[in-house]
Every structure is written in C-alpha cells, then in structure tokens.
Amino acid sequence: MKNLALTLIMIFTVIATNANTYNANSSNYTTYLSMLSPGDTLNLAAGNYTNRLNIFSMVGTATNPIVIIGSGNSTVFLGNACCNTVSIKKSAYVILKNFKLDGQDLEIDGIKAEGTTGNWAHHITIENITIVNHGYDQLIVGISTKCPAWDWIVRGCTIDGAGTGMYFGNSNGKDPFVNGIIENNLVKNTLGYSMQIKHQNVNLRNIAGMTLNGKTIIRNNVFSKQNNSSSGGSARPNLLVGNFPATGDGVNDYYEIYGNFLWQNPYESLFQGTGNIIFYDNVGVNYAGGSGIAIQNHNGFQPRDIKIFNNTIVSDDNWGIRLMNTDPTYQKYVYGNAVFSDHATPIRIVGGGVSTANLSENITDIITNANNYVNDASNNISTLDLYPSTGSALNSTLIPNTLFSIYTDYDKDFNSDSKNWRYRGAYSGEGTNPGWHLAIEIKPDDTNTLGISGLEFENMATIYPNPSLGIFTIDLKNNILKNAAVFTLSGQQVMEATTNEVNISNLSNGIYFVKITSQSGKTVTRKIIKN
C-alpha cells in the first residue's frame, strides 16, 4: 500500500507540474480556449467580454479539471444575438466560476449544453455565476442542458429575471439529466420556472461512461416568484421535477430536495414533482395566491416512492401539501410537517395511494393561528420568522425516523443544526432563531466546519465494484471511514461495517443503500446492487 500511495503521489505531482495557468483579458481570451488541457487554469481579468465562451471538446479529468475563473461580477460576458453566451459541447470535468452573464435581453440562453446531434456534457461545475437580463420571453433560460448530461454541480449562482432560471433535460424526455447537485443558488423574478428538471424516457443512458444510476440533490436554494411571474396557461411552479425512467437504468433514481426556501407564487404551486421524491426540511411560503407542495401525475406517470417530512409550509387560501393520483403499489410517507393554511384540508390526499398510517405526526392549523406556533408568520419577508416560538406545540411526541436515515443530512434541520425529532416542521428548537433569517438572497453555506464541505465529500466517496457479487470497497480518498451502514429500499438497516471492504454475501440479491460516515462526521449515501 505504501508503494502504491507513493506511485500515486508521483503521478499526481507530474500531472500538477505539467498544468498551466494562463492570464487573459477580453481582447485575447479566445486564443487560449483551444490550448486548455487537464489541470490548466484560465484566469479572466475584469472587463466586458463580447465574443462568447465556447466550451467545445474541452475534457479535463476527475483529479485535474480545466478551470475557467473570472474576477467576480467585474468579469462580464455580454450577450451576442448570434448565439448562446456560454456554449458547451462534448466537454467534461470543466469548472466555470466567478463571472457575470448579461444577456442584454436578447433571444439567447446564458449557459447551455447544446442540443446538437451527438452532444453530451458531464462533470461540469458552474459556481458563483451571476446571470441577468435573460428575460426576452419564457423560453429563454439562464442555465440549460439539452443533451445527455450527468454529474453536474451548480452552486452559489444568482439568476435574476430570466424567462426560466434553470432547465435540465428536454421536453420530449430524450436528454436525461443524471446525478446532479444543485445547491445554494438564488433564482428570482423569473417568468416561468425558477428551476425544472424534465421527465426521462427509458433506455437513454447508453452513452459510454455515462452514470447509469444515481440521485439528484437540490438543496439550500432560494426560489422566489414574488415578481414577474407569467399568468394563465403560462404560469409555472417555482420548482418542478419530472419522473425518472419507468424501467431499466435510472428506474430507482430519486431526488433529495431539502433545505430550500420557496417564496411566493401568485398563480401556481411552490413545488410540483413526479417520480421518486424525498422532500424534507424545506420552508415554503405562498401568500401570493398560489398553493404549496404538489405531488401529482404528470405526462401520464404516477408518483412512486414519496417521502415528505419535516417541512414548514404556509399557504393562505390553498392547500399546503397535496398528493394526487400517486402509484398505489408504492408506499408514501408524510411525517412531521407543519402546515398552516385556510384551506379546508391543508394536507390533501386525492385519488388514494397513501395509507392513513403513513400520514402521521403532522400539525396543521389556519393562518391566523400560525403565530401560536412560530415567531412571525406574516407576509413580510423582512420580519418573517418561522422558527418555533417558546413553548410551541411544534415540540411534541417523537417522530418515527428510521425510514429517512439513508438520506443525505436527514438528521439536520433547515439551519443545518442537529435535528430533534420531537419538532414538527423544518426547524429543531424554539425561541430565538440561531440561524439564517429568511431572505431573498443566497442562503449561506454554514456546513463547512471541518475543513471539507459536504459537497466535496459527496464527490470523493465511491464504492466499487457496483454491482457487487458479494464484496465491495469504499474509497474515501484521504478521509477515514468511521462506519458504513447498509439499508434496504424500505429503510431497514441490515448490517454495519467499520472497514473499507464490506462483505454483503449474506444479503439477498437486490438494491441497497450504503450510508457512509467519515471520522470527521461527514455522511454520504451510495446505492449498491447485489447480484
């Protein structure tokens, strides 16, 4: 092992030595784009850039990505009527960060993985990008994928006033978006969706090297449609996610949607989803006239694996949470939510598919009584404070939680504090809110207290071989394993290991989840198939 480690260090040193750093400005940056190789960094000086940013056949590696980095909002790419401002084709392991896109209200998208024949884009990171003036019409998008795309990260971005904020996948279901992470973004004032991920057809994950199975995480974002929203038939939810393939690769993929703040929608739901959805620790407020959380049939597909727990939802005249026409062969769970609504049924079940036993430990009440539970449920963002008030009835009996323990940060509340399962809603605690005050701004990432962020740990942790005939290995790079717990699809823990080599030979063939915990306390969940 020592010899192997030394060899790897030597290889990485050679690669790092060959990496180049280029410093460019608005007059010469295009000359460097075709020169970039794995490990290279292109620094963009402040200024107005008018010749677009083409990411064509630009392929880094997992350990040596290609990085293009600006000087913050002073590095500005101005829209050009000819084409999308940042165009991505057949590229991978590329990081774009720290610059601004001004679409100048032209009929162009901001960042787009193009829908050209044979195109693909994977392991693309888009970080700290500001996107403005992309509101020509509802079809104009801030960040978009129209080709098969997998293992994307979009974080820390601000999108203001676009037609649609983020649009992943294609309306015909033929260009899947797989295994992404969307976190700590602010999307506001869009005509249509703040963000949507389209449904996916079967048998499309057939591109060499494509991630075949996974999950998409949508966490700690702020999606606001208080202003600028289209009405009538053009009205759209703040956030919409479509179903995964009905069979084959991806059939058991799921969304983990947590820690988000969804604010106001005058004509539609704050959230609409179909497929396999785990929705938890979110805050949703809709005094504008629309509704709350909608799990429903879409494009003829019935929602399947649904777990909704520990959310705080305020929706004045309409329902707070609604499950409609879900697939009755799958269990649904609605636990520990706090819902305030003047609707006759704040939590609605339409068309069956949810047993009474699985609709448990929720607290519902009318809007005028909400301040009996929280500090301030007013329709004023500057004073709104949905943290439980002292002595709040949101602190009650213990909520069953073993079903949820396989999901990322399931044991953290909206503030990323340790969860107390006696509290209903998105917060654990009462009295003065010790965390972030709800606002239309980027939600701070206050989880990085151990020197490595949860996202970085998420990207580092791998298990192989997968599928496994009986033994698999956990690779945490430089992190030390504390333990690995193996769960069934229903959330039952069937074994635990404390070594990186895990033997599941005694388990039946099928799909399991492995919750991996490092010595530093970071956790990640991976899916393993036992053959």
Protein backbone atom coordinates (compact mmCIF):
# COMPACT_ATOMS: atom_id res chain seq x y z
CA MET A 1 0.00 0.00 0.00
CA LYS A 2 2.85 2.39 0.79
CA ASN A 3 4.39 1.75 -2.64
CA LEU A 4 1.02 2.31 -4.31
CA ALA A 5 0.49 5.56 -2.42
CA LEU A 6 3.99 6.76 -3.35
CA THR A 7 3.35 5.91 -7.01
CA LEU A 8 0.08 7.87 -6.99
CA ILE A 9 1.77 10.86 -5.38
CA MET A 10 4.47 10.79 -8.05
CA ILE A 11 1.87 10.57 -10.84
CA PHE A 12 -0.15 13.45 -9.43
CA THR A 13 3.00 15.51 -8.98
CA VAL A 14 3.94 15.02 -12.63
CA ILE A 15 0.42 15.99 -13.73
CA ALA A 16 0.39 19.06 -11.49
CA THR A 17 3.80 20.09 -12.80
CA ASN A 18 2.52 19.98 -16.39
CA ALA A 19 -0.56 22.10 -15.58
CA ASN A 20 -0.54 25.64 -16.86
CA THR A 21 -2.06 28.87 -15.61
CA TYR A 22 -2.98 31.47 -18.23
CA ASN A 23 -3.92 35.08 -17.52
CA ALA A 24 -6.18 36.57 -20.16
CA ASN A 25 -8.35 39.60 -20.82
CA SER A 26 -11.31 40.47 -23.03
CA SER A 27 -9.15 41.03 -26.11
CA ASN A 28 -7.18 37.77 -26.13
CA TYR A 29 -9.04 35.14 -24.08
CA THR A 30 -10.39 33.22 -27.08
CA THR A 31 -6.86 32.34 -28.20
CA TYR A 32 -6.36 30.31 -25.03
CA LEU A 33 -9.55 28.22 -25.14
CA SER A 34 -8.25 25.62 -27.61
CA MET A 35 -4.99 25.34 -25.65
CA LEU A 36 -6.50 24.24 -22.34
CA SER A 37 -5.52 20.76 -21.15
CA PRO A 38 -6.33 18.78 -17.98
CA GLY A 39 -5.21 20.72 -14.91
CA ASP A 40 -4.98 24.07 -16.70
CA THR A 41 -6.50 27.27 -15.30
CA LEU A 42 -7.57 30.28 -17.36
CA ASN A 43 -7.87 33.47 -15.29
CA LEU A 44 -10.11 36.13 -16.83
CA ALA A 45 -9.41 39.75 -15.91
CA ALA A 46 -12.13 42.32 -15.26
CA GLY A 47 -13.75 43.76 -18.37
CA ASN A 48 -16.56 43.30 -20.90
CA TYR A 49 -16.25 40.12 -22.97
CA THR A 50 -18.18 40.19 -26.24
CA ASN A 51 -17.03 37.06 -28.12
CA ARG A 52 -18.85 34.41 -26.07
CA LEU A 53 -17.30 31.49 -24.19
CA ASN A 54 -17.22 28.27 -26.21
CA ILE A 55 -16.51 25.11 -24.23
CA PHE A 56 -16.00 22.76 -27.17
CA SER A 57 -14.27 19.34 -26.84
CA MET A 58 -12.70 20.55 -23.61
CA VAL A 59 -12.04 17.47 -21.47
CA GLY A 60 -10.26 17.51 -18.13
CA THR A 61 -10.06 14.66 -15.63
CA ALA A 62 -11.51 13.97 -12.21
CA THR A 63 -8.25 14.90 -10.49
CA ASN A 64 -7.23 17.61 -12.96
CA PRO A 65 -10.24 19.55 -14.23
CA ILE A 66 -9.98 22.50 -16.56
CA VAL A 67 -10.81 25.70 -14.68
CA ILE A 68 -12.01 28.99 -16.19
CA ILE A 69 -12.33 31.63 -13.50
CA GLY A 70 -13.23 35.30 -13.61
CA SER A 71 -12.79 38.22 -11.24
CA GLY A 72 -16.34 38.16 -9.93
CA ASN A 73 -19.06 40.42 -11.32
CA SER A 74 -16.44 42.68 -12.89
CA THR A 75 -15.77 39.97 -15.49
CA VAL A 76 -18.87 40.35 -17.69
CA PHE A 77 -19.83 38.33 -20.75
CA LEU A 78 -22.22 40.41 -22.83
CA GLY A 79 -24.87 38.63 -24.87
CA ASN A 80 -24.49 38.38 -28.62
CA ALA A 81 -27.60 37.94 -30.80
CA CYS A 82 -25.89 35.18 -32.81
CA CYS A 83 -25.59 32.51 -30.16
CA ASN A 84 -25.85 31.40 -26.54
CA THR A 85 -23.25 33.15 -24.39
CA VAL A 86 -21.62 30.06 -22.85
CA SER A 87 -21.96 27.10 -25.20
CA ILE A 88 -20.92 23.58 -24.10
CA LYS A 89 -20.34 20.68 -26.49
CA LYS A 90 -18.70 17.29 -25.83
CA SER A 91 -16.87 18.51 -22.73
CA ALA A 92 -16.21 17.06 -19.30
CA TYR A 93 -14.52 17.91 -16.00
CA VAL A 94 -14.72 21.64 -16.56
CA ILE A 95 -15.20 24.26 -13.82
CA LEU A 96 -16.67 27.66 -14.68
CA LYS A 97 -16.75 30.18 -11.86
CA ASN A 98 -16.76 33.77 -10.68
CA PHE A 99 -18.11 35.83 -13.58
CA LYS A 100 -21.28 37.50 -14.80
CA LEU A 101 -23.50 36.98 -17.85
CA ASP A 102 -25.56 39.91 -19.14
CA GLY A 103 -27.94 38.67 -21.82
CA GLN A 104 -28.89 42.22 -22.78
CA ASP A 105 -32.49 40.96 -23.16
CA LEU A 106 -31.62 39.14 -26.37
CA GLU A 107 -33.18 35.89 -27.55
CA ILE A 108 -30.31 33.75 -26.23
CA ASP A 109 -29.61 31.48 -23.28
CA GLY A 110 -26.90 32.13 -20.71
CA ILE A 111 -25.13 28.79 -20.23
CA LYS A 112 -26.27 25.92 -22.43
CA ALA A 113 -25.12 22.36 -23.06
CA GLU A 114 -26.33 22.41 -26.63
CA GLY A 115 -28.88 20.06 -28.16
CA THR A 116 -26.78 19.35 -31.25
CA THR A 117 -26.71 15.77 -32.56
CA GLY A 118 -24.34 13.51 -30.64
CA ASN A 119 -23.58 16.08 -27.97
CA TRP A 120 -23.03 15.28 -24.28
CA ALA A 121 -21.61 17.08 -21.24
CA HIS A 122 -20.61 15.62 -17.89
CA HIS A 123 -18.84 16.62 -14.68
CA ILE A 124 -19.46 20.30 -15.34
CA THR A 125 -19.27 22.66 -12.35
CA ILE A 126 -20.91 26.09 -12.56
CA GLU A 127 -20.11 28.14 -9.49
CA ASN A 128 -20.67 31.74 -8.36
CA ILE A 129 -22.04 32.90 -11.71
CA THR A 130 -24.43 35.88 -11.87
CA ILE A 131 -26.94 35.80 -14.73
CA VAL A 132 -29.09 38.86 -15.54
CA ASN A 133 -31.20 40.21 -18.42
CA HIS A 134 -32.25 36.86 -19.89
CA GLY A 135 -35.98 37.57 -19.83
CA TYR A 136 -36.74 38.09 -23.54
CA ASP A 137 -39.51 35.51 -23.15
CA GLN A 138 -40.33 32.47 -21.04
CA LEU A 139 -38.30 30.11 -23.23
CA ILE A 140 -35.03 31.94 -22.55
CA VAL A 141 -33.02 30.12 -19.87
CA GLY A 142 -30.21 31.07 -17.51
CA ILE A 143 -28.61 27.60 -17.28
CA SER A 144 -29.79 24.80 -19.58
CA THR A 145 -28.93 21.30 -20.74
CA LYS A 146 -30.41 19.98 -23.98
CA CYS A 147 -28.16 16.96 -24.36
CA PRO A 148 -27.43 13.96 -22.11
CA ALA A 149 -25.77 15.48 -19.04
CA TRP A 150 -24.56 13.85 -15.86
CA ASP A 151 -22.65 14.65 -12.69
CA TRP A 152 -23.20 18.40 -12.91
CA ILE A 153 -22.78 20.77 -9.98
CA VAL A 154 -24.46 24.18 -9.97
CA ARG A 155 -23.84 26.16 -6.78
CA GLY A 156 -23.70 29.68 -5.47
CA CYS A 157 -25.22 31.21 -8.61
CA THR A 158 -27.65 34.13 -8.85
CA ILE A 159 -30.21 34.22 -11.67
CA ASP A 160 -32.40 37.33 -11.76
CA GLY A 161 -35.22 37.96 -14.21
CA ALA A 162 -34.72 35.10 -16.70
CA GLY A 163 -37.53 33.54 -18.70
CA THR A 164 -36.71 30.28 -16.90
CA GLY A 165 -33.93 30.09 -14.33
CA MET A 166 -32.59 26.56 -14.81
CA TYR A 167 -33.90 23.95 -17.25
CA PHE A 168 -32.32 20.50 -17.23
CA GLY A 169 -33.32 17.88 -19.79
CA ASN A 170 -35.68 18.17 -22.73
CA SER A 171 -39.43 18.47 -23.08
CA ASN A 172 -39.56 15.19 -25.04
CA GLY A 173 -37.78 13.25 -22.27
CA LYS A 174 -34.90 12.23 -24.53
CA ASP A 175 -31.97 14.06 -22.96
CA PRO A 176 -31.62 12.89 -19.34
CA PHE A 177 -30.05 14.94 -16.57
CA VAL A 178 -28.49 12.40 -14.19
CA ASN A 179 -26.90 12.55 -10.75
CA GLY A 180 -26.63 16.32 -10.36
CA ILE A 181 -26.15 18.60 -7.37
CA ILE A 182 -27.92 21.97 -7.35
CA GLU A 183 -27.13 23.91 -4.18
CA ASN A 184 -27.04 27.34 -2.56
CA ASN A 185 -28.37 29.19 -5.61
CA LEU A 186 -30.71 32.19 -5.73
CA VAL A 187 -33.26 32.31 -8.55
CA LYS A 188 -35.76 35.17 -8.54
CA ASN A 189 -38.19 37.11 -10.72
CA THR A 190 -38.48 34.51 -13.50
CA LEU A 191 -41.37 34.49 -15.96
CA GLY A 192 -41.67 30.71 -15.78
CA TYR A 193 -39.96 28.13 -13.59
CA SER A 194 -37.23 29.09 -11.19
CA MET A 195 -35.95 25.61 -11.99
CA GLN A 196 -37.19 22.46 -13.63
CA ILE A 197 -35.82 19.00 -14.41
CA LYS A 198 -37.70 17.25 -17.19
CA HIS A 199 -39.01 13.69 -17.19
CA GLN A 200 -36.82 10.93 -18.67
CA ASN A 201 -37.70 8.21 -21.14
CA VAL A 202 -36.38 4.64 -20.91
CA ASN A 203 -33.22 3.22 -22.50
CA LEU A 204 -31.40 6.52 -22.97
CA ARG A 205 -28.48 6.04 -20.59
CA ASN A 206 -26.45 4.28 -23.23
CA ILE A 207 -23.57 6.70 -23.75
CA ALA A 208 -20.10 5.35 -22.97
CA GLY A 209 -19.00 6.44 -19.50
CA MET A 210 -22.41 7.79 -18.50
CA THR A 211 -23.52 7.46 -14.89
CA LEU A 212 -26.29 4.88 -15.15
CA ASN A 213 -27.90 5.22 -11.72
CA GLY A 214 -27.77 7.85 -9.01
CA LYS A 215 -29.71 10.65 -7.41
CA THR A 216 -30.08 14.38 -7.92
CA ILE A 217 -29.71 16.64 -4.89
CA ILE A 218 -31.47 20.02 -4.78
CA ARG A 219 -30.56 21.71 -1.52
CA ASN A 220 -30.28 25.05 0.23
CA ASN A 221 -31.55 27.10 -2.71
CA VAL A 222 -33.84 30.13 -2.67
CA PHE A 223 -36.54 30.13 -5.38
CA SER A 224 -38.69 33.27 -5.42
CA LYS A 225 -41.51 34.10 -7.84
CA GLN A 226 -42.88 37.10 -5.98
CA ASN A 227 -42.40 39.33 -9.03
CA ASN A 228 -42.55 38.99 -12.81
CA SER A 229 -44.43 35.67 -12.98
CA SER A 230 -46.41 34.71 -16.06
CA SER A 231 -50.11 34.03 -15.51
CA GLY A 232 -52.84 31.90 -17.07
CA GLY A 233 -51.64 28.98 -19.16
CA SER A 234 -48.05 30.18 -18.92
CA ALA A 235 -47.94 30.06 -15.10
CA ARG A 236 -45.31 27.68 -13.72
CA PRO A 237 -44.22 26.39 -10.26
CA ASN A 238 -41.08 27.70 -8.61
CA LEU A 239 -39.55 24.22 -8.79
CA LEU A 240 -40.67 21.23 -10.85
CA VAL A 241 -39.05 17.80 -11.13
CA GLY A 242 -40.20 15.11 -13.54
CA ASN A 243 -40.07 11.34 -13.34
CA PHE A 244 -37.10 9.08 -13.92
CA PRO A 245 -37.27 6.23 -16.47
CA ALA A 246 -40.19 3.87 -15.86
CA THR A 247 -37.94 0.82 -16.29
CA GLY A 248 -34.26 -0.01 -16.78
CA ASP A 249 -31.31 2.16 -15.81
CA GLY A 250 -32.45 5.00 -13.57
CA VAL A 251 -35.75 3.48 -12.52
CA ASN A 252 -34.75 3.72 -8.84
CA ASP A 253 -33.08 7.13 -9.07
CA TYR A 254 -34.56 9.71 -6.74
CA TYR A 255 -34.48 13.38 -5.81
CA GLU A 256 -33.27 14.58 -2.42
CA ILE A 257 -34.81 18.04 -2.07
CA TYR A 258 -34.00 19.68 1.25
CA GLY A 259 -33.09 22.91 2.99
CA ASN A 260 -34.68 25.09 0.27
CA PHE A 261 -36.69 28.28 0.74
CA LEU A 262 -39.56 28.63 -1.74
CA TRP A 263 -41.14 32.08 -1.62
CA GLN A 264 -44.39 33.24 -3.25
CA ASN A 265 -46.09 32.18 -6.46
CA PRO A 266 -49.24 34.06 -7.42
CA TYR A 267 -50.60 31.53 -9.92
CA GLU A 268 -49.08 28.10 -9.29
CA SER A 269 -47.54 25.73 -6.74
CA LEU A 270 -44.28 26.40 -4.98
CA PHE A 271 -43.24 22.86 -5.89
CA GLN A 272 -44.53 20.17 -8.24
CA GLY A 273 -43.00 16.73 -8.54
CA THR A 274 -43.41 13.29 -10.11
CA GLY A 275 -41.29 10.16 -9.74
CA ASN A 276 -39.22 9.21 -6.68
CA ILE A 277 -39.01 12.23 -4.37
CA ILE A 278 -37.60 12.73 -0.88
CA PHE A 279 -38.69 16.23 0.19
CA TYR A 280 -37.58 17.38 3.64
CA ASP A 281 -36.52 20.31 5.83
CA ASN A 282 -37.80 22.88 3.33
CA VAL A 283 -39.59 26.15 4.07
CA GLY A 284 -42.34 27.18 1.66
CA VAL A 285 -44.39 30.38 1.92
CA ASN A 286 -47.14 31.36 -0.51
CA TYR A 287 -49.33 34.31 0.40
CA ALA A 288 -49.42 35.41 -3.24
CA GLY A 289 -52.44 33.32 -4.33
CA GLY A 290 -50.93 30.03 -5.48
CA SER A 291 -50.52 26.82 -3.50
CA GLY A 292 -47.88 24.79 -1.69
CA ILE A 293 -46.37 21.38 -2.45
CA ALA A 294 -47.93 19.25 -5.22
CA ILE A 295 -47.03 15.62 -5.83
CA GLN A 296 -49.03 14.56 -8.86
CA ASN A 297 -49.35 12.61 -12.09
CA HIS A 298 -47.52 14.29 -14.98
CA ASN A 299 -47.25 13.14 -18.58
CA GLY A 300 -49.21 10.03 -17.59
CA PHE A 301 -46.66 8.94 -14.95
CA GLN A 302 -47.85 8.38 -11.39
CA PRO A 303 -45.56 9.40 -8.49
CA ARG A 304 -43.89 6.38 -6.92
CA ASP A 305 -41.55 6.50 -3.91
CA ILE A 306 -42.54 9.64 -1.99
CA LYS A 307 -41.35 10.74 1.45
CA ILE A 308 -42.26 14.22 2.72
CA PHE A 309 -41.02 15.02 6.20
CA ASN A 310 -40.22 17.95 8.46
CA ASN A 311 -41.24 20.79 6.16
CA THR A 312 -42.78 24.11 7.22
CA ILE A 313 -45.40 25.25 4.70
CA VAL A 314 -47.53 28.40 4.79
CA SER A 315 -50.16 28.72 2.02
CA ASP A 316 -53.06 31.01 2.81
CA ASP A 317 -56.09 30.12 0.67
CA ASN A 318 -54.91 26.88 -0.91
CA TRP A 319 -53.65 23.53 0.35
CA GLY A 320 -50.17 23.26 1.78
CA ILE A 321 -49.31 19.69 0.70
CA ARG A 322 -51.23 17.66 -1.86
CA LEU A 323 -50.63 14.12 -3.14
CA MET A 324 -52.82 13.31 -6.13
CA ASN A 325 -53.20 10.13 -8.18
CA THR A 326 -50.00 8.50 -6.96
CA ASP A 327 -48.99 4.94 -7.80
CA PRO A 328 -50.74 2.76 -5.17
CA THR A 329 -48.12 0.00 -5.41
CA TYR A 330 -45.58 2.26 -3.68
CA GLN A 331 -45.74 3.43 -0.08
CA LYS A 332 -45.89 7.18 0.58
CA TYR A 333 -44.92 8.85 3.85
CA VAL A 334 -45.93 12.31 5.07
CA TYR A 335 -44.43 12.77 8.54
CA GLY A 336 -43.67 15.60 10.91
CA ASN A 337 -44.70 18.56 8.75
CA ALA A 338 -46.07 21.90 10.00
CA VAL A 339 -48.67 23.24 7.57
CA PHE A 340 -50.61 26.48 8.01
CA SER A 341 -53.42 27.09 5.56
CA ASP A 342 -57.01 28.33 5.49
CA HIS A 343 -57.90 25.54 3.09
CA ALA A 344 -60.37 23.02 4.49
CA THR A 345 -57.75 20.29 4.06
CA PRO A 346 -54.21 21.67 4.49
CA ILE A 347 -52.74 18.23 3.68
CA ARG A 348 -54.79 16.68 0.88
CA ILE A 349 -54.74 13.13 -0.44
CA VAL A 350 -56.59 12.82 -3.76
CA GLY A 351 -57.13 9.54 -5.57
CA GLY A 352 -55.71 7.27 -2.85
CA GLY A 353 -52.22 5.81 -2.77
CA VAL A 354 -51.41 6.95 0.78
CA SER A 355 -52.46 4.95 3.83
CA THR A 356 -53.68 6.72 6.94
CA ALA A 357 -50.85 5.12 8.91
CA ASN A 358 -48.30 6.83 6.68
CA LEU A 359 -49.85 10.27 7.19
CA SER A 360 -48.53 10.80 10.67
CA GLU A 361 -47.28 13.28 13.27
CA ASN A 362 -48.15 16.40 11.22
CA ILE A 363 -49.50 19.63 12.68
CA THR A 364 -51.96 21.72 10.66
CA ASP A 365 -53.82 24.91 11.53
CA ILE A 366 -55.29 28.03 9.95
CA ILE A 367 -53.17 31.03 9.03
CA THR A 368 -54.46 33.26 11.80
CA ASN A 369 -53.28 30.70 14.37
CA ALA A 370 -49.80 30.29 12.88
CA ASN A 371 -48.28 32.77 15.32
CA ASN A 372 -49.28 30.42 18.14
CA TYR A 373 -46.57 28.10 16.81
CA VAL A 374 -43.86 30.29 15.23
CA ASN A 375 -42.27 33.65 15.93
CA ASP A 376 -43.75 35.53 12.97
CA ALA A 377 -45.82 34.12 10.11
CA SER A 378 -46.51 37.49 8.48
CA ASN A 379 -46.43 38.15 4.75
CA ASN A 380 -43.42 40.42 5.14
CA ILE A 381 -40.05 38.97 4.22
CA SER A 382 -38.20 41.40 6.46
CA THR A 383 -39.98 40.17 9.61
CA LEU A 384 -40.97 36.62 8.60
CA ASP A 385 -39.60 34.14 11.15
CA LEU A 386 -40.99 30.59 11.05
CA TYR A 387 -38.75 29.32 13.85
CA PRO A 388 -40.87 27.72 16.62
CA SER A 389 -41.84 30.15 19.36
CA THR A 390 -41.03 29.42 23.00
CA GLY A 391 -43.35 26.72 24.31
CA SER A 392 -44.57 25.95 20.80
CA ALA A 393 -46.86 22.96 20.21
CA LEU A 394 -44.49 22.08 17.34
CA ASN A 395 -42.49 20.38 20.08
CA SER A 396 -44.44 17.19 20.68
CA THR A 397 -44.05 13.41 20.62
CA LEU A 398 -41.09 11.69 18.98
CA ILE A 399 -41.46 11.34 15.19
CA PRO A 400 -40.52 7.90 13.75
CA ASN A 401 -37.46 8.48 11.60
CA THR A 402 -35.80 5.18 10.68
CA LEU A 403 -37.34 5.37 7.21
CA PHE A 404 -35.39 8.54 6.48
CA SER A 405 -31.94 7.66 7.79
CA ILE A 406 -30.48 6.72 4.41
CA TYR A 407 -30.88 10.24 3.01
CA THR A 408 -28.26 12.98 2.96
CA ASP A 409 -28.33 15.24 6.03
CA TYR A 410 -31.60 13.66 7.16
CA ASP A 411 -30.53 14.39 10.75
CA LYS A 412 -30.02 18.14 10.11
CA ASP A 413 -32.73 20.80 10.15
CA PHE A 414 -33.22 23.78 7.83
CA ASN A 415 -30.41 25.61 9.67
CA SER A 416 -28.11 22.56 9.31
CA ASP A 417 -28.34 22.12 13.08
CA SER A 418 -28.74 18.66 14.60
CA LYS A 419 -32.33 17.56 14.27
CA ASN A 420 -34.54 16.98 17.29
CA TRP A 421 -37.20 14.57 16.07
CA ARG A 422 -39.74 15.94 18.52
CA TYR A 423 -40.18 19.11 16.46
CA ARG A 424 -42.60 19.33 13.57
CA GLY A 425 -41.58 21.46 10.64
CA ALA A 426 -38.21 22.43 9.21
CA TYR A 427 -36.58 23.68 12.43
CA SER A 428 -35.38 21.97 15.60
CA GLY A 429 -35.55 24.32 18.56
CA GLU A 430 -37.64 27.18 19.84
CA GLY A 431 -37.31 30.82 20.84
CA THR A 432 -34.72 32.91 19.01
CA ASN A 433 -33.69 31.54 15.65
CA PRO A 434 -29.92 30.89 15.84
CA GLY A 435 -29.59 30.52 12.08
CA TRP A 436 -30.17 32.32 8.81
CA HIS A 437 -33.01 34.84 8.61
CA LEU A 438 -35.29 34.03 5.66
CA ALA A 439 -34.48 36.42 2.80
CA ILE A 440 -34.30 36.66 -0.98
CA GLU A 441 -30.57 36.14 -1.10
CA ILE A 442 -28.15 33.26 -1.41
CA LYS A 443 -28.58 31.03 1.62
CA PRO A 444 -25.21 30.87 3.39
CA ASP A 445 -23.33 27.58 3.38
CA ASP A 446 -22.51 27.20 7.06
CA THR A 447 -21.92 23.46 6.98
CA ASN A 448 -18.18 23.57 6.24
CA THR A 449 -16.85 23.47 9.79
CA LEU A 450 -14.49 20.52 9.42
CA GLY A 451 -12.23 21.75 6.62
CA ILE A 452 -14.07 19.85 3.87
CA SER A 453 -17.57 20.62 2.66
CA GLY A 454 -20.33 18.05 2.44
CA LEU A 455 -20.32 18.53 -1.33
CA GLU A 456 -16.61 17.78 -1.62
CA PHE A 457 -17.07 14.66 0.48
CA GLU A 458 -20.05 13.73 -1.71
CA ASN A 459 -17.82 13.88 -4.77
CA MET A 460 -14.95 11.95 -3.16
CA ALA A 461 -16.82 8.92 -1.87
CA THR A 462 -17.05 5.98 -4.28
CA ILE A 463 -17.90 2.30 -3.94
CA TYR A 464 -16.80 -0.46 -6.31
CA PRO A 465 -17.45 -2.86 -7.91
CA ASN A 466 -21.08 -1.95 -8.40
CA PRO A 467 -22.97 -4.22 -8.99
CA SER A 468 -21.20 -6.45 -6.48
CA LEU A 469 -21.18 -10.23 -6.27
CA GLY A 470 -20.67 -10.03 -2.52
CA ILE A 471 -17.76 -7.76 -1.57
CA PHE A 472 -17.33 -4.09 -2.38
CA THR A 473 -14.79 -1.43 -1.40
CA ILE A 474 -15.42 2.08 -0.10
CA ASP A 475 -12.93 4.68 -1.33
CA LEU A 476 -12.97 7.99 0.59
CA LYS A 477 -9.72 9.35 -0.88
CA ASN A 478 -7.92 10.97 2.10
CA ASN A 479 -10.86 10.66 4.50
CA ILE A 480 -11.02 7.95 7.16
CA LEU A 481 -14.06 5.71 7.38
CA LYS A 482 -15.93 5.60 10.67
CA ASN A 483 -18.66 3.18 9.62
CA ALA A 484 -20.88 2.09 6.77
CA ALA A 485 -24.50 1.07 7.37
CA VAL A 486 -26.37 -0.95 4.75
CA PHE A 487 -30.13 -0.40 4.35
CA THR A 488 -32.88 -1.98 2.30
CA LEU A 489 -35.02 0.14 -0.01
CA SER A 490 -37.62 0.36 2.76
CA GLY A 491 -35.08 1.87 5.16
CA GLN A 492 -34.34 -1.20 7.31
CA GLN A 493 -30.71 -1.45 8.40
CA VAL A 494 -29.41 -4.94 7.68
CA MET A 495 -25.72 -4.63 8.55
CA GLU A 496 -22.93 -2.27 9.56
CA ALA A 497 -19.22 -2.32 8.76
CA THR A 498 -16.23 -0.39 10.08
CA THR A 499 -13.73 -1.35 7.36
CA ASN A 500 -13.46 -0.09 3.80
CA GLU A 501 -14.04 -3.60 2.46
CA VAL A 502 -17.67 -4.60 3.02
CA ASN A 503 -18.95 -8.15 2.67
CA ILE A 504 -22.64 -8.39 1.74
CA SER A 505 -22.51 -12.02 0.59
CA ASN A 506 -25.18 -13.00 3.12
CA LEU A 507 -27.70 -10.49 1.78
CA SER A 508 -30.28 -11.34 -0.85
CA ASN A 509 -29.75 -10.06 -4.38
CA GLY A 510 -31.25 -6.63 -4.95
CA ILE A 511 -30.72 -2.91 -4.39
CA TYR A 512 -29.40 -1.50 -1.12
CA PHE A 513 -28.28 1.88 0.20
CA VAL A 514 -24.95 2.33 1.98
CA LYS A 515 -24.74 5.26 4.38
CA ILE A 516 -21.06 6.12 4.73
CA THR A 517 -19.80 8.20 7.66
CA SER A 518 -16.25 9.55 7.94
CA GLN A 519 -14.33 10.08 11.16
CA SER A 520 -14.88 13.83 10.70
CA GLY A 521 -18.65 13.34 10.77
CA LYS A 522 -19.42 13.83 7.09
CA THR A 523 -22.00 11.45 5.62
CA VAL A 524 -22.94 10.35 2.13
CA THR A 525 -25.29 7.68 0.81
CA ARG A 526 -24.48 5.43 -2.13
CA LYS A 527 -26.60 2.84 -3.89
CA ILE A 528 -25.21 -0.70 -4.29
CA ILE A 529 -26.65 -3.52 -6.35
CA LYS A 530 -26.04 -7.07 -5.05
CA ASN A 531 -26.04 -9.71 -7.81
